[in-house]
Amino acid sequence: MNGSAITASGLRKAYKDKVVLDGVDLNVRSGTIFALLGPNGAGKTTTVNVLTTLLTPDAGKVLVAGHDVVTETRAVRAAIGVTGQFASVDDLLTGEENLLLMADLLHLPKGRRIAGRLLDRFDLVEAANKPAASYSGGMRRKLDLAMTLVGNPRIIFLDEPTTGLDPRSRRTMWEIIRELVADGTTIFLTTQYLEETDQLADRIAVLDQGRLVAEGTADELKRQVPGSHVRLRFTSRHALDVAARVLHASTRDDEELTLRVPGDGGVRSLRALLDRLDAQSIEVEELSVHTPDLDDVFLALTGHGNKEASAR
């Protein structure tokens, strides 16, 4: 991972007297998956539209693939691919014809070879000559992403890539996304599925009312939310009693012989906890770290529940 694929500094956008983006700063490293989360009306779609040159910012500096989105629009568009929430395939064409059409639009030579490679990569060879109208939801999403890859973009914007897919198709799409990143592609992801963000994203930014309210890895964001704790199980009631005296803020369960100890779940605090137990020669049979999930993070940071965690 070398350098930044996307940078934004002081990004601002307003519609008349309504400020949609209020000084947003972004830094997306090349070859990573970056997820942008936020409730309805947070400014996510506007952010993506600016980054993909569909909107001009009112203020701020934005570089995508090293090119200014305002003054080097053509160069930015040549470096990116965009897959929207709704598949943009032509139902009247076959899978192969959709890919060939995209190659023609991009004036690419050897379009049939490109189409064949992508059909194979996305496991669509058997359906290549069937009308896209006959494809399942998962097949349509795969074809849509394959069409985005025809031009071999360095950066791909994925808006709700697994909306409407069954769990098996969703996990297949996750594997495809991971493979793209392993090959050096940068993914900018917006999704309403927080589990998807947890599974895929290297870094996550949370946008609320036009401002970034948090950024970090999934684990870093979870540790910001109260509720993290370490659960310790002991071999005897005596060990539990001694540990409870040493760890004053803990909550005990005599039946399970466990202690629940508040903490951030970080390595440093975990090591300090174990050192305190070792100093008293207390044996721990089992240890587990429990942190809030991204639903908890989203609620704590924005005051909105998961139902509003859409990409609009």
C-alpha atoms as a PDB file:
ATOM      1  CA  MET A   1       0.000   0.000   0.000  1.00  0.00           C
ATOM      2  CA  ASN A   2       1.738   3.077  -1.207  1.00  0.00           C
ATOM      3  CA  GLY A   3       0.318   6.574  -1.117  1.00  0.00           C
ATOM      4  CA  SER A   4      -3.218   7.852  -1.129  1.00  0.00           C
ATOM      5  CA  ALA A   5      -5.865   6.994  -3.698  1.00  0.00           C
ATOM      6  CA  ILE A   6      -8.258   9.703  -2.490  1.00  0.00           C
ATOM      7  CA  THR A   7      -7.647  12.837  -0.435  1.00  0.00           C
ATOM      8  CA  ALA A   8     -10.084  15.560   0.481  1.00  0.00           C
ATOM      9  CA  SER A   9      -9.351  18.635   2.550  1.00  0.00           C
ATOM     10  CA  GLY A  10     -11.983  21.068   3.771  1.00  0.00           C
ATOM     11  CA  LEU A  11     -14.642  19.679   1.417  1.00  0.00           C
ATOM     12  CA  ARG A  12     -17.753  21.816   1.521  1.00  0.00           C
ATOM     13  CA  LYS A  13     -21.018  21.691  -0.391  1.00  0.00           C
ATOM     14  CA  ALA A  14     -24.284  23.534   0.145  1.00  0.00           C
ATOM     15  CA  TYR A  15     -27.610  23.787  -1.643  1.00  0.00           C
ATOM     16  CA  LYS A  16     -28.841  27.334  -1.137  1.00  0.00           C
ATOM     17  CA  ASP A  17     -28.889  27.769   2.658  1.00  0.00           C
ATOM     18  CA  LYS A  18     -28.571  24.047   3.476  1.00  0.00           C
ATOM     19  CA  VAL A  19     -24.993  22.966   4.211  1.00  0.00           C
ATOM     20  CA  VAL A  20     -24.596  19.312   3.163  1.00  0.00           C
ATOM     21  CA  LEU A  21     -20.837  18.902   3.626  1.00  0.00           C
ATOM     22  CA  ASP A  22     -19.160  21.055   6.220  1.00  0.00           C
ATOM     23  CA  GLY A  23     -15.374  20.774   6.013  1.00  0.00           C
ATOM     24  CA  VAL A  24     -14.870  17.044   5.350  1.00  0.00           C
ATOM     25  CA  ASP A  25     -11.319  15.664   5.331  1.00  0.00           C
ATOM     26  CA  LEU A  26     -10.591  12.221   3.879  1.00  0.00           C
ATOM     27  CA  ASN A  27      -7.491  10.153   3.248  1.00  0.00           C
ATOM     28  CA  VAL A  28      -8.026   6.787   1.541  1.00  0.00           C
ATOM     29  CA  ARG A  29      -4.904   4.681   1.184  1.00  0.00           C
ATOM     30  CA  SER A  30      -4.288   2.869  -2.086  1.00  0.00           C
ATOM     31  CA  GLY A  31      -5.124  -0.817  -2.130  1.00  0.00           C
ATOM     32  CA  THR A  32      -7.543  -0.671   0.812  1.00  0.00           C
ATOM     33  CA  ILE A  33     -11.273  -0.787   1.451  1.00  0.00           C
ATOM     34  CA  PHE A  34     -12.623   2.457   2.900  1.00  0.00           C
ATOM     35  CA  ALA A  35     -16.220   2.519   4.144  1.00  0.00           C
ATOM     36  CA  LEU A  36     -18.298   5.669   4.579  1.00  0.00           C
ATOM     37  CA  LEU A  37     -21.223   5.301   6.973  1.00  0.00           C
ATOM     38  CA  GLY A  38     -23.894   7.713   8.079  1.00  0.00           C
ATOM     39  CA  PRO A  39     -27.646   8.140   8.555  1.00  0.00           C
ATOM     40  CA  ASN A  40     -30.028   9.417   5.903  1.00  0.00           C
ATOM     41  CA  GLY A  41     -29.151  12.956   4.909  1.00  0.00           C
ATOM     42  CA  ALA A  42     -25.646  12.792   6.387  1.00  0.00           C
ATOM     43  CA  GLY A  43     -24.033  13.743   3.078  1.00  0.00           C
ATOM     44  CA  LYS A  44     -22.687  10.389   1.879  1.00  0.00           C
ATOM     45  CA  THR A  45     -24.197  10.517  -1.599  1.00  0.00           C
ATOM     46  CA  THR A  46     -23.030  14.097  -2.029  1.00  0.00           C
ATOM     47  CA  THR A  47     -19.526  13.065  -0.980  1.00  0.00           C
ATOM     48  CA  VAL A  48     -19.450  10.230  -3.515  1.00  0.00           C
ATOM     49  CA  ASN A  49     -20.850  12.495  -6.233  1.00  0.00           C
ATOM     50  CA  VAL A  50     -18.059  15.007  -5.609  1.00  0.00           C
ATOM     51  CA  LEU A  51     -15.374  12.306  -5.576  1.00  0.00           C
ATOM     52  CA  THR A  52     -16.685  10.874  -8.861  1.00  0.00           C
ATOM     53  CA  THR A  53     -16.880  14.334 -10.540  1.00  0.00           C
ATOM     54  CA  LEU A  54     -20.685  14.377 -10.731  1.00  0.00           C
ATOM     55  CA  LEU A  55     -20.812  17.429  -8.424  1.00  0.00           C
ATOM     56  CA  THR A  56     -18.467  20.367  -8.063  1.00  0.00           C
ATOM     57  CA  PRO A  57     -17.530  21.230  -4.467  1.00  0.00           C
ATOM     58  CA  ASP A  58     -18.087  24.762  -3.204  1.00  0.00           C
ATOM     59  CA  ALA A  59     -14.757  24.728  -1.359  1.00  0.00           C
ATOM     60  CA  GLY A  60     -11.900  22.416  -0.509  1.00  0.00           C
ATOM     61  CA  LYS A  61      -9.318  20.405  -2.397  1.00  0.00           C
ATOM     62  CA  VAL A  62     -10.092  16.895  -3.644  1.00  0.00           C
ATOM     63  CA  LEU A  63      -7.653  14.571  -5.390  1.00  0.00           C
ATOM     64  CA  VAL A  64      -8.649  11.194  -6.787  1.00  0.00           C
ATOM     65  CA  ALA A  65      -5.860   9.020  -8.210  1.00  0.00           C
ATOM     66  CA  GLY A  66      -3.671  12.109  -7.913  1.00  0.00           C
ATOM     67  CA  HIS A  67      -5.946  14.244 -10.088  1.00  0.00           C
ATOM     68  CA  ASP A  68      -8.019  17.260  -9.084  1.00  0.00           C
ATOM     69  CA  VAL A  69     -11.737  16.483  -9.399  1.00  0.00           C
ATOM     70  CA  VAL A  70     -12.479  20.021 -10.593  1.00  0.00           C
ATOM     71  CA  THR A  71      -9.647  20.774 -13.031  1.00  0.00           C
ATOM     72  CA  GLU A  72      -8.794  17.219 -14.181  1.00  0.00           C
ATOM     73  CA  THR A  73     -12.224  15.671 -14.509  1.00  0.00           C
ATOM     74  CA  ARG A  74     -11.376  13.490 -17.503  1.00  0.00           C
ATOM     75  CA  ALA A  75      -8.295  12.008 -15.826  1.00  0.00           C
ATOM     76  CA  VAL A  76     -10.300  11.221 -12.682  1.00  0.00           C
ATOM     77  CA  ARG A  77     -13.032   9.487 -14.681  1.00  0.00           C
ATOM     78  CA  ALA A  78     -10.447   7.406 -16.524  1.00  0.00           C
ATOM     79  CA  ALA A  79      -9.080   6.112 -13.214  1.00  0.00           C
ATOM     80  CA  ILE A  80     -12.347   5.195 -11.486  1.00  0.00           C
ATOM     81  CA  GLY A  81     -15.248   2.803 -11.781  1.00  0.00           C
ATOM     82  CA  VAL A  82     -18.658   3.295 -10.204  1.00  0.00           C
ATOM     83  CA  THR A  83     -21.172   0.586  -9.341  1.00  0.00           C
ATOM     84  CA  GLY A  84     -24.457   1.994  -8.130  1.00  0.00           C
ATOM     85  CA  GLN A  85     -27.083   0.596  -5.807  1.00  0.00           C
ATOM     86  CA  PHE A  86     -29.138  -0.634  -8.733  1.00  0.00           C
ATOM     87  CA  ALA A  87     -27.508  -2.801 -11.389  1.00  0.00           C
ATOM     88  CA  SER A  88     -27.043  -0.873 -14.639  1.00  0.00           C
ATOM     89  CA  VAL A  89     -27.061  -3.900 -16.942  1.00  0.00           C
ATOM     90  CA  ASP A  90     -29.186  -3.910 -20.093  1.00  0.00           C
ATOM     91  CA  ASP A  91     -31.791  -6.647 -19.643  1.00  0.00           C
ATOM     92  CA  LEU A  92     -32.241  -7.120 -23.395  1.00  0.00           C
ATOM     93  CA  LEU A  93     -28.573  -7.960 -23.926  1.00  0.00           C
ATOM     94  CA  THR A  94     -26.772 -11.108 -22.868  1.00  0.00           C
ATOM     95  CA  GLY A  95     -24.086 -11.012 -20.202  1.00  0.00           C
ATOM     96  CA  GLU A  96     -21.356 -11.097 -22.824  1.00  0.00           C
ATOM     97  CA  GLU A  97     -23.062  -8.411 -24.926  1.00  0.00           C
ATOM     98  CA  ASN A  98     -23.266  -6.111 -21.903  1.00  0.00           C
ATOM     99  CA  LEU A  99     -19.516  -6.447 -21.396  1.00  0.00           C
ATOM    100  CA  LEU A 100     -18.749  -5.989 -25.099  1.00  0.00           C
ATOM    101  CA  LEU A 101     -20.920  -2.857 -25.160  1.00  0.00           C
ATOM    102  CA  MET A 102     -18.947  -1.424 -22.263  1.00  0.00           C
ATOM    103  CA  ALA A 103     -15.661  -2.213 -24.017  1.00  0.00           C
ATOM    104  CA  ASP A 104     -16.937  -0.469 -27.168  1.00  0.00           C
ATOM    105  CA  LEU A 105     -18.003   2.612 -25.187  1.00  0.00           C
ATOM    106  CA  LEU A 106     -14.498   2.807 -23.718  1.00  0.00           C
ATOM    107  CA  HIS A 107     -12.937   2.279 -27.180  1.00  0.00           C
ATOM    108  CA  LEU A 108     -10.974  -0.703 -25.904  1.00  0.00           C
ATOM    109  CA  PRO A 109      -9.333  -3.161 -28.315  1.00  0.00           C
ATOM    110  CA  LYS A 110      -9.701  -6.894 -27.722  1.00  0.00           C
ATOM    111  CA  GLY A 111     -13.097  -6.407 -26.121  1.00  0.00           C
ATOM    112  CA  ARG A 112     -14.049 -10.056 -26.590  1.00  0.00           C
ATOM    113  CA  ARG A 113     -10.936 -11.192 -24.731  1.00  0.00           C
ATOM    114  CA  ILE A 114     -11.689  -8.757 -21.884  1.00  0.00           C
ATOM    115  CA  ALA A 115     -15.299  -9.966 -21.722  1.00  0.00           C
ATOM    116  CA  GLY A 116     -14.228 -13.606 -21.663  1.00  0.00           C
ATOM    117  CA  ARG A 117     -11.771 -12.998 -18.839  1.00  0.00           C
ATOM    118  CA  LEU A 118     -14.370 -11.201 -16.724  1.00  0.00           C
ATOM    119  CA  LEU A 119     -17.078 -13.792 -17.381  1.00  0.00           C
ATOM    120  CA  ASP A 120     -14.676 -16.444 -16.159  1.00  0.00           C
ATOM    121  CA  ARG A 121     -13.595 -14.424 -13.129  1.00  0.00           C
ATOM    122  CA  PHE A 122     -17.180 -13.870 -12.020  1.00  0.00           C
ATOM    123  CA  ASP A 123     -18.319 -17.419 -12.774  1.00  0.00           C
ATOM    124  CA  LEU A 124     -20.736 -16.265 -15.467  1.00  0.00           C
ATOM    125  CA  VAL A 125     -19.445 -18.333 -18.400  1.00  0.00           C
ATOM    126  CA  GLU A 126     -22.479 -20.650 -18.492  1.00  0.00           C
ATOM    127  CA  ALA A 127     -24.828 -17.662 -18.478  1.00  0.00           C
ATOM    128  CA  ALA A 128     -22.780 -15.592 -20.939  1.00  0.00           C
ATOM    129  CA  ASN A 129     -25.240 -16.022 -23.826  1.00  0.00           C
ATOM    130  CA  LYS A 130     -28.409 -15.703 -21.794  1.00  0.00           C
ATOM    131  CA  PRO A 131     -30.341 -12.401 -21.569  1.00  0.00           C
ATOM    132  CA  ALA A 132     -29.483 -10.460 -18.432  1.00  0.00           C
ATOM    133  CA  ALA A 133     -33.222 -10.327 -17.672  1.00  0.00           C
ATOM    134  CA  SER A 134     -33.014 -14.024 -16.786  1.00  0.00           C
ATOM    135  CA  TYR A 135     -30.198 -13.499 -14.247  1.00  0.00           C
ATOM    136  CA  SER A 136     -30.718 -13.831 -10.506  1.00  0.00           C
ATOM    137  CA  GLY A 137     -30.047 -10.855  -8.253  1.00  0.00           C
ATOM    138  CA  GLY A 138     -26.607 -12.150  -7.372  1.00  0.00           C
ATOM    139  CA  MET A 139     -25.696 -12.740 -11.033  1.00  0.00           C
ATOM    140  CA  ARG A 140     -26.855  -9.235 -11.978  1.00  0.00           C
ATOM    141  CA  ARG A 141     -24.705  -7.690  -9.247  1.00  0.00           C
ATOM    142  CA  LYS A 142     -21.707  -9.697 -10.416  1.00  0.00           C
ATOM    143  CA  LEU A 143     -22.284  -8.664 -14.021  1.00  0.00           C
ATOM    144  CA  ASP A 144     -22.677  -5.046 -12.961  1.00  0.00           C
ATOM    145  CA  LEU A 145     -19.341  -5.137 -11.143  1.00  0.00           C
ATOM    146  CA  ALA A 146     -17.736  -6.948 -14.090  1.00  0.00           C
ATOM    147  CA  MET A 147     -18.905  -4.125 -16.365  1.00  0.00           C
ATOM    148  CA  THR A 148     -17.260  -1.646 -14.001  1.00  0.00           C
ATOM    149  CA  LEU A 149     -13.993  -3.581 -14.318  1.00  0.00           C
ATOM    150  CA  VAL A 150     -13.914  -3.550 -18.121  1.00  0.00           C
ATOM    151  CA  GLY A 151     -11.822  -0.378 -18.068  1.00  0.00           C
ATOM    152  CA  ASN A 152      -9.506  -1.763 -15.353  1.00  0.00           C
ATOM    153  CA  PRO A 153     -10.102   1.137 -12.923  1.00  0.00           C
ATOM    154  CA  ARG A 154      -7.649   1.758 -10.081  1.00  0.00           C
ATOM    155  CA  ILE A 155     -10.400   2.988  -7.763  1.00  0.00           C
ATOM    156  CA  ILE A 156     -13.924   1.588  -7.524  1.00  0.00           C
ATOM    157  CA  PHE A 157     -16.858   3.244  -5.791  1.00  0.00           C
ATOM    158  CA  LEU A 158     -19.336   0.632  -4.577  1.00  0.00           C
ATOM    159  CA  ASP A 159     -22.732   1.937  -3.486  1.00  0.00           C
ATOM    160  CA  GLU A 160     -24.713  -0.772  -1.697  1.00  0.00           C
ATOM    161  CA  PRO A 161     -23.000  -3.631  -3.602  1.00  0.00           C
ATOM    162  CA  THR A 162     -25.001  -6.430  -1.956  1.00  0.00           C
ATOM    163  CA  THR A 163     -28.452  -4.885  -1.600  1.00  0.00           C
ATOM    164  CA  GLY A 164     -31.130  -7.531  -2.098  1.00  0.00           C
ATOM    165  CA  LEU A 165     -28.719 -10.466  -2.213  1.00  0.00           C
ATOM    166  CA  ASP A 166     -29.185 -13.673  -0.247  1.00  0.00           C
ATOM    167  CA  PRO A 167     -26.475 -14.523   2.331  1.00  0.00           C
ATOM    168  CA  ARG A 168     -24.602 -16.881  -0.025  1.00  0.00           C
ATOM    169  CA  SER A 169     -24.488 -14.332  -2.866  1.00  0.00           C
ATOM    170  CA  ARG A 170     -23.473 -11.609  -0.424  1.00  0.00           C
ATOM    171  CA  ARG A 171     -20.486 -13.625   0.789  1.00  0.00           C
ATOM    172  CA  THR A 172     -19.512 -14.404  -2.801  1.00  0.00           C
ATOM    173  CA  MET A 173     -19.489 -10.679  -3.519  1.00  0.00           C
ATOM    174  CA  TRP A 174     -17.354 -10.091  -0.423  1.00  0.00           C
ATOM    175  CA  GLU A 175     -14.786 -12.564  -1.727  1.00  0.00           C
ATOM    176  CA  ILE A 176     -14.720 -10.825  -5.107  1.00  0.00           C
ATOM    177  CA  ILE A 177     -14.185  -7.459  -3.410  1.00  0.00           C
ATOM    178  CA  ARG A 178     -11.336  -8.884  -1.313  1.00  0.00           C
ATOM    179  CA  GLU A 179      -9.729 -10.320  -4.450  1.00  0.00           C
ATOM    180  CA  LEU A 180      -9.899  -6.931  -6.166  1.00  0.00           C
ATOM    181  CA  VAL A 181      -8.111  -5.299  -3.244  1.00  0.00           C
ATOM    182  CA  ALA A 182      -5.511  -8.075  -3.163  1.00  0.00           C
ATOM    183  CA  ASP A 183      -4.770  -7.143  -6.789  1.00  0.00           C
ATOM    184  CA  GLY A 184      -4.176  -3.512  -5.764  1.00  0.00           C
ATOM    185  CA  THR A 185      -7.573  -1.953  -6.420  1.00  0.00           C
ATOM    186  CA  THR A 186      -8.898   0.652  -3.982  1.00  0.00           C
ATOM    187  CA  ILE A 187     -12.534   0.291  -2.896  1.00  0.00           C
ATOM    188  CA  PHE A 188     -14.662   3.170  -1.588  1.00  0.00           C
ATOM    189  CA  LEU A 189     -17.702   1.514  -0.046  1.00  0.00           C
ATOM    190  CA  THR A 190     -21.056   2.797   1.105  1.00  0.00           C
ATOM    191  CA  THR A 191     -23.429   0.227   2.546  1.00  0.00           C
ATOM    192  CA  GLN A 192     -26.369  -0.109   4.928  1.00  0.00           C
ATOM    193  CA  TYR A 193     -25.085  -3.468   6.168  1.00  0.00           C
ATOM    194  CA  LEU A 194     -22.862  -2.785   9.151  1.00  0.00           C
ATOM    195  CA  GLU A 195     -21.803  -6.436   9.256  1.00  0.00           C
ATOM    196  CA  GLU A 196     -20.522  -5.945   5.704  1.00  0.00           C
ATOM    197  CA  THR A 197     -18.490  -2.949   6.819  1.00  0.00           C
ATOM    198  CA  ASP A 198     -17.098  -4.926   9.744  1.00  0.00           C
ATOM    199  CA  GLN A 199     -16.106  -7.787   7.443  1.00  0.00           C
ATOM    200  CA  LEU A 200     -14.543  -5.758   4.640  1.00  0.00           C
ATOM    201  CA  ALA A 201     -13.372  -2.296   5.605  1.00  0.00           C
ATOM    202  CA  ASP A 202      -9.772  -1.489   6.502  1.00  0.00           C
ATOM    203  CA  ARG A 203     -10.908   1.929   7.707  1.00  0.00           C
ATOM    204  CA  ILE A 204     -14.330   3.390   8.421  1.00  0.00           C
ATOM    205  CA  ALA A 205     -15.477   6.993   8.512  1.00  0.00           C
ATOM    206  CA  VAL A 206     -18.786   8.013  10.083  1.00  0.00           C
ATOM    207  CA  LEU A 207     -20.477  11.053   8.595  1.00  0.00           C
ATOM    208  CA  ASP A 208     -23.273  12.865  10.410  1.00  0.00           C
ATOM    209  CA  GLN A 209     -24.904  16.163   9.438  1.00  0.00           C
ATOM    210  CA  GLY A 210     -22.154  16.896   6.935  1.00  0.00           C
ATOM    211  CA  ARG A 211     -19.233  16.359   9.307  1.00  0.00           C
ATOM    212  CA  LEU A 212     -16.983  13.415  10.029  1.00  0.00           C
ATOM    213  CA  VAL A 213     -17.655  12.411  13.614  1.00  0.00           C
ATOM    214  CA  ALA A 214     -15.262   9.450  13.764  1.00  0.00           C
ATOM    215  CA  GLU A 215     -12.714   7.545  11.711  1.00  0.00           C
ATOM    216  CA  GLY A 216     -10.641   4.443  12.337  1.00  0.00           C
ATOM    217  CA  THR A 217     -10.601   0.685  12.040  1.00  0.00           C
ATOM    218  CA  ALA A 218     -13.682  -1.241  13.137  1.00  0.00           C
ATOM    219  CA  ASP A 219     -11.930  -2.260  16.359  1.00  0.00           C
ATOM    220  CA  GLU A 220     -10.824   1.304  17.098  1.00  0.00           C
ATOM    221  CA  LEU A 221     -14.360   2.613  16.672  1.00  0.00           C
ATOM    222  CA  LYS A 222     -15.818  -0.137  18.847  1.00  0.00           C
ATOM    223  CA  ARG A 223     -13.423   0.733  21.659  1.00  0.00           C
ATOM    224  CA  GLN A 224     -14.747   4.308  21.657  1.00  0.00           C
ATOM    225  CA  VAL A 225     -18.169   3.093  22.753  1.00  0.00           C
ATOM    226  CA  PRO A 226     -18.910   2.174  26.396  1.00  0.00           C
ATOM    227  CA  GLY A 227     -19.684  -1.468  27.032  1.00  0.00           C
ATOM    228  CA  SER A 228     -16.368  -3.107  26.226  1.00  0.00           C
ATOM    229  CA  HIS A 229     -15.363  -5.667  28.826  1.00  0.00           C
ATOM    230  CA  VAL A 230     -13.201  -8.690  29.508  1.00  0.00           C
ATOM    231  CA  ARG A 231     -14.869 -11.884  30.722  1.00  0.00           C
ATOM    232  CA  LEU A 232     -12.750 -14.079  32.973  1.00  0.00           C
ATOM    233  CA  ARG A 233     -13.634 -17.625  33.992  1.00  0.00           C
ATOM    234  CA  PHE A 234     -11.934 -19.245  36.991  1.00  0.00           C
ATOM    235  CA  THR A 235     -11.436 -22.845  38.090  1.00  0.00           C
ATOM    236  CA  SER A 236     -12.657 -22.394  41.661  1.00  0.00           C
ATOM    237  CA  ARG A 237     -14.772 -20.214  43.913  1.00  0.00           C
ATOM    238  CA  HIS A 238     -11.634 -19.279  45.856  1.00  0.00           C
ATOM    239  CA  ALA A 239      -9.907 -17.939  42.717  1.00  0.00           C
ATOM    240  CA  LEU A 240     -13.060 -16.000  41.855  1.00  0.00           C
ATOM    241  CA  ASP A 241     -13.183 -14.458  45.351  1.00  0.00           C
ATOM    242  CA  VAL A 242      -9.551 -13.369  45.223  1.00  0.00           C
ATOM    243  CA  ALA A 243      -9.888 -11.961  41.704  1.00  0.00           C
ATOM    244  CA  ALA A 244     -13.023 -10.038  42.679  1.00  0.00           C
ATOM    245  CA  ARG A 245     -11.143  -8.400  45.550  1.00  0.00           C
ATOM    246  CA  VAL A 246      -8.285  -7.428  43.219  1.00  0.00           C
ATOM    247  CA  LEU A 247     -10.525  -6.165  40.407  1.00  0.00           C
ATOM    248  CA  HIS A 248     -12.841  -3.801  42.263  1.00  0.00           C
ATOM    249  CA  ALA A 249     -14.915  -2.600  39.285  1.00  0.00           C
ATOM    250  CA  SER A 250     -15.794  -6.106  38.149  1.00  0.00           C
ATOM    251  CA  THR A 251     -19.178  -7.833  38.167  1.00  0.00           C
ATOM    252  CA  ARG A 252     -19.221 -11.457  39.286  1.00  0.00           C
ATOM    253  CA  ASP A 253     -21.342 -14.475  38.432  1.00  0.00           C
ATOM    254  CA  ASP A 254     -20.922 -17.086  41.152  1.00  0.00           C
ATOM    255  CA  GLU A 255     -22.744 -19.799  39.241  1.00  0.00           C
ATOM    256  CA  GLU A 256     -20.560 -19.426  36.146  1.00  0.00           C
ATOM    257  CA  LEU A 257     -17.407 -18.584  38.174  1.00  0.00           C
ATOM    258  CA  THR A 258     -16.862 -15.548  35.965  1.00  0.00           C
ATOM    259  CA  LEU A 259     -15.962 -11.893  36.345  1.00  0.00           C
ATOM    260  CA  ARG A 260     -16.948  -9.173  33.906  1.00  0.00           C
ATOM    261  CA  VAL A 261     -14.270  -6.446  33.956  1.00  0.00           C
ATOM    262  CA  PRO A 262     -14.876  -3.120  32.155  1.00  0.00           C
ATOM    263  CA  GLY A 263     -12.109  -2.181  29.727  1.00  0.00           C
ATOM    264  CA  ASP A 264     -11.384  -0.995  26.213  1.00  0.00           C
ATOM    265  CA  GLY A 265     -10.296  -4.432  24.998  1.00  0.00           C
ATOM    266  CA  GLY A 266      -6.903  -3.097  23.920  1.00  0.00           C
ATOM    267  CA  VAL A 267      -3.679  -5.081  24.220  1.00  0.00           C
ATOM    268  CA  ARG A 268      -2.138  -2.703  26.759  1.00  0.00           C
ATOM    269  CA  SER A 269      -5.085  -2.757  29.166  1.00  0.00           C
ATOM    270  CA  LEU A 270      -5.441  -6.525  28.761  1.00  0.00           C
ATOM    271  CA  ARG A 271      -1.795  -7.052  29.632  1.00  0.00           C
ATOM    272  CA  ALA A 272      -2.146  -4.818  32.718  1.00  0.00           C
ATOM    273  CA  LEU A 273      -5.193  -6.815  33.823  1.00  0.00           C
ATOM    274  CA  LEU A 274      -3.360 -10.132  33.530  1.00  0.00           C
ATOM    275  CA  ASP A 275      -0.317  -8.706  35.330  1.00  0.00           C
ATOM    276  CA  ARG A 276      -2.534  -7.790  38.301  1.00  0.00           C
ATOM    277  CA  LEU A 277      -3.878 -11.341  38.426  1.00  0.00           C
ATOM    278  CA  ASP A 278      -0.408 -12.880  38.067  1.00  0.00           C
ATOM    279  CA  ALA A 279       0.832 -10.771  40.953  1.00  0.00           C
ATOM    280  CA  GLN A 280      -1.745 -12.545  43.152  1.00  0.00           C
ATOM    281  CA  SER A 281      -0.999 -15.963  41.582  1.00  0.00           C
ATOM    282  CA  ILE A 282      -4.581 -16.192  40.318  1.00  0.00           C
ATOM    283  CA  GLU A 283      -5.146 -18.784  37.597  1.00  0.00           C
ATOM    284  CA  VAL A 284      -7.557 -17.856  34.792  1.00  0.00           C
ATOM    285  CA  GLU A 285      -9.181 -20.779  33.002  1.00  0.00           C
ATOM    286  CA  GLU A 286     -10.743 -18.821  30.153  1.00  0.00           C
ATOM    287  CA  LEU A 287     -10.579 -15.234  28.885  1.00  0.00           C
ATOM    288  CA  SER A 288     -12.667 -13.490  26.233  1.00  0.00           C
ATOM    289  CA  VAL A 289     -12.881  -9.870  25.113  1.00  0.00           C
ATOM    290  CA  HIS A 290     -16.311  -8.424  24.332  1.00  0.00           C
ATOM    291  CA  THR A 291     -16.757  -5.135  22.471  1.00  0.00           C
ATOM    292  CA  PRO A 292     -19.821  -3.338  21.107  1.00  0.00           C
ATOM    293  CA  ASP A 293     -20.638  -4.077  17.467  1.00  0.00           C
ATOM    294  CA  LEU A 294     -20.868  -1.471  14.718  1.00  0.00           C
ATOM    295  CA  ASP A 295     -24.594  -1.062  15.353  1.00  0.00           C
ATOM    296  CA  ASP A 296     -23.710   0.190  18.834  1.00  0.00           C
ATOM    297  CA  VAL A 297     -21.009   2.438  17.402  1.00  0.00           C
ATOM    298  CA  PHE A 298     -23.389   3.884  14.820  1.00  0.00           C
ATOM    299  CA  LEU A 299     -26.057   4.565  17.416  1.00  0.00           C
ATOM    300  CA  ALA A 300     -23.598   6.153  19.850  1.00  0.00           C
ATOM    301  CA  LEU A 301     -21.932   8.385  17.260  1.00  0.00           C
ATOM    302  CA  THR A 302     -24.976   9.567  15.339  1.00  0.00           C
ATOM    303  CA  GLY A 303     -27.939   8.963  17.627  1.00  0.00           C
ATOM    304  CA  HIS A 304     -29.580   6.944  14.883  1.00  0.00           C
ATOM    305  CA  GLY A 305     -30.428   3.253  14.751  1.00  0.00           C
ATOM    306  CA  ASN A 306     -29.263   0.796  12.115  1.00  0.00           C
ATOM    307  CA  LYS A 307     -32.477   1.226  10.087  1.00  0.00           C
ATOM    308  CA  GLU A 308     -31.246   4.657   9.119  1.00  0.00           C
ATOM    309  CA  ALA A 309     -27.731   3.531   8.257  1.00  0.00           C
ATOM    310  CA  SER A 310     -28.368   3.724   4.562  1.00  0.00           C
ATOM    311  CA  ALA A 311     -26.026   5.054   1.920  1.00  0.00           C
ATOM    312  CA  ARG A 312     -28.223   7.932   0.833  1.00  0.00           C
END
